[in-house]
């Protein structure tokens, strides 16, 4: 007995999703999100009403060298903010088909091909929206890098104001063109790493294609490419010190972000990431809809380890 498109959507989605989750297919359309995944910047966890990120910016103030063998150790407990608190954003992508689609795809093979294309497109749209909005400010509660890492250095996120709290300020440096872009990159890298060498230094840089090409032109003699497999897959990955430099089609020209996996995460729900809801008939229409849903948020616990170079 031939299946309907509605039935095939239900039985096919787990297989389509599993295929998209394969390492070689995960974030297949985005070098930026692929690199975030590779570096452990995508964190899957069970979510509460909010996402709390313990802060990572200040050492214990009670420790010190002892003046004598019986000197008292300070037990002071600094009265500071201990965690950034992020609301959970929601992403929904509708998957729509009509009775006409049923009529114009009469055979089982036609329906299977139609459904595979329909579902793959929905997942790719879902992932594309994440990359698109992560380079904006805030979209319906989802925080972008313009909010986390502004060129002023004093943005607010996680319920903490960078204007009021100096520890919640990111690094930033302006450049003019190819004559000083490497100098700006070095300034930010040094300020983000704070003398730690490669331990806490930025490991991921992302910019527009034109900006990556501008930097690439200054590095031709060094040939600073990394990961030949990524090159074969069509993703151009450059290196700068400890960082892998990728580009995104959605990023504004002339802006480059510096990130690391300890201090910047895309947090997604374990239970509700690319989750498919029930199919419903569209009221007063000859059609049906199901939705691909995710609960997620971008988060940081130490903005001083993040940076932005800009013109």
Protein backbone atom coordinates (compact mmCIF):
# COMPACT_ATOMS: atom_id res chain seq x y z
CA UNK A 1 0.00 0.00 0.00
CA UNK A 2 1.37 3.40 -1.01
CA UNK A 3 2.17 5.88 1.73
CA UNK A 4 0.91 9.45 1.86
CA UNK A 5 3.35 12.35 2.13
CA UNK A 6 2.12 12.91 5.69
CA UNK A 7 3.01 9.33 6.62
CA UNK A 8 6.39 9.54 4.91
CA UNK A 9 7.27 12.76 6.72
CA UNK A 10 6.71 10.99 10.04
CA UNK A 11 8.68 7.84 9.20
CA UNK A 12 11.46 9.55 7.21
CA UNK A 13 12.44 12.39 9.53
CA UNK A 14 14.51 10.29 12.01
CA UNK A 15 16.60 8.89 9.12
CA UNK A 16 17.06 12.31 7.49
CA UNK A 17 18.05 13.81 10.85
CA UNK A 18 20.48 10.98 11.58
CA UNK A 19 22.14 11.57 8.21
CA UNK A 20 22.48 15.30 8.98
CA UNK A 21 24.08 14.43 12.33
CA UNK A 22 26.88 12.39 10.78
CA UNK A 23 30.21 14.15 11.47
CA UNK A 24 30.83 14.79 7.79
CA UNK A 25 27.33 16.27 7.36
CA UNK A 26 26.94 18.21 10.62
CA UNK A 27 26.59 21.90 9.73
CA UNK A 28 27.51 20.93 6.15
CA UNK A 29 26.64 24.36 4.75
CA UNK A 30 28.59 26.43 7.28
CA UNK A 31 32.34 26.49 7.84
CA UNK A 32 31.78 28.69 10.92
CA UNK A 33 29.34 26.33 12.67
CA UNK A 34 31.38 23.31 11.59
CA UNK A 35 34.41 24.85 13.25
CA UNK A 36 32.43 25.70 16.38
CA UNK A 37 31.32 22.06 16.57
CA UNK A 38 34.86 20.78 15.94
CA UNK A 39 36.26 22.94 18.74
CA UNK A 40 33.59 22.05 21.30
CA UNK A 41 31.76 25.37 21.18
CA UNK A 42 28.39 23.67 20.60
CA UNK A 43 27.17 22.37 23.95
CA UNK A 44 24.13 20.08 24.24
CA UNK A 45 22.51 20.10 27.67
CA UNK A 46 19.16 19.87 29.44
CA UNK A 47 17.82 23.40 29.84
CA UNK A 48 15.98 25.07 32.70
CA UNK A 49 13.97 28.28 32.65
CA UNK A 50 17.27 30.11 32.02
CA UNK A 51 20.83 29.13 31.13
CA UNK A 52 23.27 29.97 33.92
CA UNK A 53 26.96 30.22 33.02
CA UNK A 54 29.35 30.44 36.00
CA UNK A 55 31.68 33.34 35.38
CA UNK A 56 35.36 32.85 34.64
CA UNK A 57 37.02 36.19 35.18
CA UNK A 58 38.44 36.59 38.68
CA UNK A 59 40.86 34.68 40.88
CA UNK A 60 40.21 33.88 44.55
CA UNK A 61 40.98 37.09 46.47
CA UNK A 62 41.71 35.35 49.79
CA UNK A 63 44.99 33.71 48.85
CA UNK A 64 48.38 35.26 49.66
CA UNK A 65 51.89 34.44 50.83
CA UNK A 66 52.13 33.98 54.61
CA UNK A 67 54.28 36.42 56.58
CA UNK A 68 54.95 33.77 59.28
CA UNK A 69 54.26 30.08 59.73
CA UNK A 70 51.22 30.82 61.92
CA UNK A 71 49.86 33.79 60.03
CA UNK A 72 46.11 33.73 59.40
CA UNK A 73 44.80 33.08 55.92
CA UNK A 74 42.23 35.56 54.71
CA UNK A 75 38.82 33.96 54.32
CA UNK A 76 37.24 36.91 52.56
CA UNK A 77 34.52 36.03 50.11
CA UNK A 78 34.22 38.68 47.41
CA UNK A 79 30.71 39.96 46.85
CA UNK A 80 30.64 39.61 43.08
CA UNK A 81 28.35 38.39 40.37
CA UNK A 82 28.93 34.65 40.07
CA UNK A 83 27.03 33.71 36.92
CA UNK A 84 25.67 35.15 33.70
CA UNK A 85 21.98 34.38 33.26
CA UNK A 86 20.65 33.82 29.74
CA UNK A 87 17.06 33.39 28.59
CA UNK A 88 16.29 30.50 26.25
CA UNK A 89 15.58 31.48 22.65
CA UNK A 90 13.32 29.47 20.37
CA UNK A 91 13.68 28.69 16.67
CA UNK A 92 10.88 27.25 14.56
CA UNK A 93 10.89 26.31 10.87
CA UNK A 94 7.59 25.27 9.24
CA UNK A 95 7.49 22.34 6.82
CA UNK A 96 4.46 22.71 4.55
CA UNK A 97 2.96 20.54 1.83
CA UNK A 98 -0.40 20.43 0.07
CA UNK A 99 -2.83 17.92 -1.36
CA UNK A 100 -1.63 19.09 -4.76
CA UNK A 101 1.84 17.80 -3.83
CA UNK A 102 0.18 14.43 -3.17
CA UNK A 103 -1.52 14.55 -6.55
CA UNK A 104 1.58 15.56 -8.51
CA UNK A 105 3.79 12.92 -6.86
CA UNK A 106 1.62 9.84 -7.35
CA UNK A 107 4.21 7.06 -7.09
CA UNK A 108 5.93 5.89 -3.92
CA UNK A 109 9.37 6.80 -5.32
CA UNK A 110 8.21 10.30 -6.20
CA UNK A 111 6.79 10.84 -2.72
CA UNK A 112 9.96 9.53 -1.04
CA UNK A 113 12.15 11.89 -3.10
CA UNK A 114 9.78 14.81 -2.45
CA UNK A 115 9.78 14.23 1.32
CA UNK A 116 13.57 13.82 1.50
CA UNK A 117 14.02 17.14 -0.28
CA UNK A 118 11.37 18.83 1.87
CA UNK A 119 12.92 17.71 5.16
CA UNK A 120 16.53 18.32 4.14
CA UNK A 121 15.63 21.85 3.09
CA UNK A 122 13.92 22.48 6.44
CA UNK A 123 16.96 21.35 8.45
CA UNK A 124 19.32 23.38 6.25
CA UNK A 125 17.06 26.44 6.66
CA UNK A 126 17.06 25.89 10.43
CA UNK A 127 20.87 25.73 10.57
CA UNK A 128 21.21 28.66 8.17
CA UNK A 129 19.07 30.83 10.44
CA UNK A 130 21.35 30.09 13.40
CA UNK A 131 24.42 31.23 11.48
CA UNK A 132 22.60 34.25 10.06
CA UNK A 133 21.33 35.51 13.42
CA UNK A 134 24.52 34.80 15.37
CA UNK A 135 26.12 37.68 13.44
CA UNK A 136 23.39 40.16 14.36
CA UNK A 137 22.57 41.85 17.68
CA UNK A 138 19.51 40.21 19.22
CA UNK A 139 16.74 38.53 17.23
CA UNK A 140 13.60 37.54 19.17
CA UNK A 141 15.72 36.77 22.22
CA UNK A 142 18.60 35.05 20.43
CA UNK A 143 21.85 36.88 21.20
CA UNK A 144 24.27 37.59 18.36
CA UNK A 145 27.94 38.43 18.42
CA UNK A 146 27.16 42.12 17.94
CA UNK A 147 25.61 41.95 21.41
CA UNK A 148 28.27 39.77 23.05
CA UNK A 149 31.32 41.38 21.41
CA UNK A 150 30.52 44.97 20.37
CA UNK A 151 33.13 47.29 18.87
CA UNK A 152 32.68 49.58 21.91
CA UNK A 153 33.70 46.73 24.21
CA UNK A 154 30.89 47.65 26.62
CA UNK A 155 27.85 45.63 25.61
CA UNK A 156 25.39 43.96 27.97
CA UNK A 157 24.45 40.27 27.93
CA UNK A 158 23.66 37.54 30.42
CA UNK A 159 22.08 40.14 32.69
CA UNK A 160 25.40 41.97 33.18
CA UNK A 161 26.25 45.44 31.90
CA UNK A 162 29.67 46.12 30.40
CA UNK A 163 29.13 49.81 31.14
CA UNK A 164 28.74 49.17 34.88
CA UNK A 165 31.22 46.28 35.21
CA UNK A 166 34.69 46.59 33.73
CA UNK A 167 35.28 42.82 33.93
CA UNK A 168 32.41 42.36 31.42
CA UNK A 169 34.15 44.18 28.57
CA UNK A 170 35.48 42.50 25.46
CA UNK A 171 38.70 43.31 23.61
CA UNK A 172 38.56 45.47 20.48
CA UNK A 173 40.92 47.08 18.01
CA UNK A 174 40.41 49.10 14.85
CA UNK A 175 42.36 48.72 11.61
CA UNK A 176 42.37 50.63 8.34
CA UNK A 177 43.39 48.17 5.61
CA UNK A 178 45.90 45.44 4.77
CA UNK A 179 48.78 47.56 6.08
CA UNK A 180 47.68 47.24 9.72
CA UNK A 181 45.19 44.35 9.85
CA UNK A 182 47.80 41.93 11.23
CA UNK A 183 48.79 44.44 13.90
CA UNK A 184 45.15 44.74 15.03
CA UNK A 185 44.83 40.94 15.10
CA UNK A 186 47.99 40.68 17.23
CA UNK A 187 46.71 43.28 19.68
CA UNK A 188 43.43 41.45 20.20
CA UNK A 189 45.05 38.01 20.40
CA UNK A 190 47.50 39.24 23.05
CA UNK A 191 44.79 41.02 25.05
CA UNK A 192 42.47 38.00 24.95
CA UNK A 193 45.19 35.55 25.97
CA UNK A 194 46.44 37.84 28.76
CA UNK A 195 49.88 36.27 28.83
CA UNK A 196 48.57 32.70 29.01
CA UNK A 197 50.15 31.74 25.70
CA UNK A 198 47.97 29.28 23.83
CA UNK A 199 46.11 27.98 26.92
CA UNK A 200 43.26 30.52 26.84
CA UNK A 201 44.04 32.34 23.63
CA UNK A 202 41.48 32.63 20.83
CA UNK A 203 41.17 29.46 18.77
CA UNK A 204 38.52 30.60 16.28
CA UNK A 205 38.39 33.75 14.17
CA UNK A 206 35.57 34.52 11.79
CA UNK A 207 35.14 37.29 9.26
CA UNK A 208 33.49 38.08 5.95
CA UNK A 209 34.97 36.46 2.84
CA UNK A 210 36.42 39.79 1.70
CA UNK A 211 38.09 40.36 5.07
CA UNK A 212 39.57 36.88 5.11
CA UNK A 213 40.90 37.47 1.60
CA UNK A 214 42.38 40.81 2.68
CA UNK A 215 44.27 39.09 5.49
CA UNK A 216 45.21 36.19 3.22
CA UNK A 217 46.88 38.65 0.85
CA UNK A 218 49.23 39.74 3.65
CA UNK A 219 50.19 36.14 4.40
CA UNK A 220 51.04 34.72 0.98
CA UNK A 221 54.70 34.23 1.83
CA UNK A 222 53.83 32.20 4.94
CA UNK A 223 51.07 30.11 3.27
CA UNK A 224 49.14 29.96 6.53
CA UNK A 225 46.52 27.43 5.56
CA UNK A 226 45.38 24.64 7.85
CA UNK A 227 43.46 21.39 7.37
CA UNK A 228 43.82 20.15 3.83
CA UNK A 229 40.64 18.09 4.24
CA UNK A 230 38.61 21.25 4.81
CA UNK A 231 40.17 22.77 1.70
CA UNK A 232 39.15 19.73 -0.31
CA UNK A 233 35.59 20.14 1.01
CA UNK A 234 35.53 23.71 -0.26
CA UNK A 235 36.12 25.47 3.06
CA UNK A 236 39.12 27.80 3.18
CA UNK A 237 40.66 27.78 6.64
CA UNK A 238 43.56 30.12 7.44
CA UNK A 239 45.58 30.27 10.64
CA UNK A 240 46.74 33.10 12.87
CA UNK A 241 48.80 32.10 15.90
CA UNK A 242 46.56 29.56 17.72
CA UNK A 243 43.41 30.51 15.78
CA UNK A 244 41.70 28.95 12.79
CA UNK A 245 40.27 31.71 10.59
CA UNK A 246 37.07 30.90 8.66
CA UNK A 247 34.53 33.12 6.93
CA UNK A 248 30.75 33.38 6.95
CA UNK A 249 28.49 34.69 4.22
CA UNK A 250 26.39 36.43 6.88
CA UNK A 251 29.11 38.37 8.63
CA UNK A 252 29.44 42.10 8.08
CA UNK A 253 32.41 43.20 6.02
CA UNK A 254 35.53 44.44 7.82
CA UNK A 255 34.67 42.80 11.17
CA UNK A 256 36.55 39.82 12.64
CA UNK A 257 35.60 38.04 15.87
CA UNK A 258 38.02 36.17 18.16
CA UNK A 259 36.51 33.30 20.19
CA UNK A 260 37.58 30.31 22.29
CA UNK A 261 35.69 27.20 23.45
CA UNK A 262 36.03 27.85 27.19
CA UNK A 263 34.40 31.25 27.09
CA UNK A 264 31.90 31.15 24.21
CA UNK A 265 29.25 28.50 23.57
CA UNK A 266 26.22 27.84 21.43
CA UNK A 267 24.08 26.01 23.99
CA UNK A 268 21.31 23.83 22.55
CA UNK A 269 18.70 21.68 24.23
CA UNK A 270 19.45 17.96 24.34
CA UNK A 271 15.77 17.15 24.05
CA UNK A 272 14.64 19.92 21.71
CA UNK A 273 17.14 20.55 18.96
CA UNK A 274 15.84 20.01 15.42
CA UNK A 275 12.82 18.40 17.04
CA UNK A 276 9.84 17.68 14.77
CA UNK A 277 6.35 18.38 16.07
CA UNK A 278 3.09 16.67 15.13
CA UNK A 279 1.62 17.20 11.67
CA UNK A 280 -1.47 19.38 11.57
CA UNK A 281 -3.94 20.19 8.83
CA UNK A 282 -3.84 23.87 7.89
CA UNK A 283 -7.26 25.44 8.66
CA UNK A 284 -9.23 26.52 5.60
CA UNK A 285 -6.53 25.24 3.24
CA UNK A 286 -5.73 22.02 1.43
CA UNK A 287 -2.42 21.61 3.16
CA UNK A 288 -0.48 20.28 6.11
CA UNK A 289 2.30 21.60 8.36
CA UNK A 290 4.83 20.25 10.81
CA UNK A 291 7.55 22.32 12.47
CA UNK A 292 11.25 21.85 13.18
CA UNK A 293 11.86 23.33 16.63
CA UNK A 294 14.94 24.16 18.74
CA UNK A 295 15.57 25.74 22.12
CA UNK A 296 19.01 27.37 22.26
CA UNK A 297 21.14 30.41 23.11
CA UNK A 298 24.63 31.78 22.54
CA UNK A 299 26.45 32.42 25.82
CA UNK A 300 29.72 33.71 27.24
CA UNK A 301 31.18 33.51 30.75
CA UNK A 302 34.15 35.85 30.22
CA UNK A 303 33.86 38.64 27.68
CA UNK A 304 37.43 39.78 28.33
CA UNK A 305 38.63 36.63 26.52
CA UNK A 306 36.64 37.55 23.39
CA UNK A 307 37.54 40.22 20.85
CA UNK A 308 36.62 42.04 17.68
CA UNK A 309 38.70 43.80 15.02
CA UNK A 310 36.88 46.34 12.88
CA UNK A 311 37.30 49.21 10.44
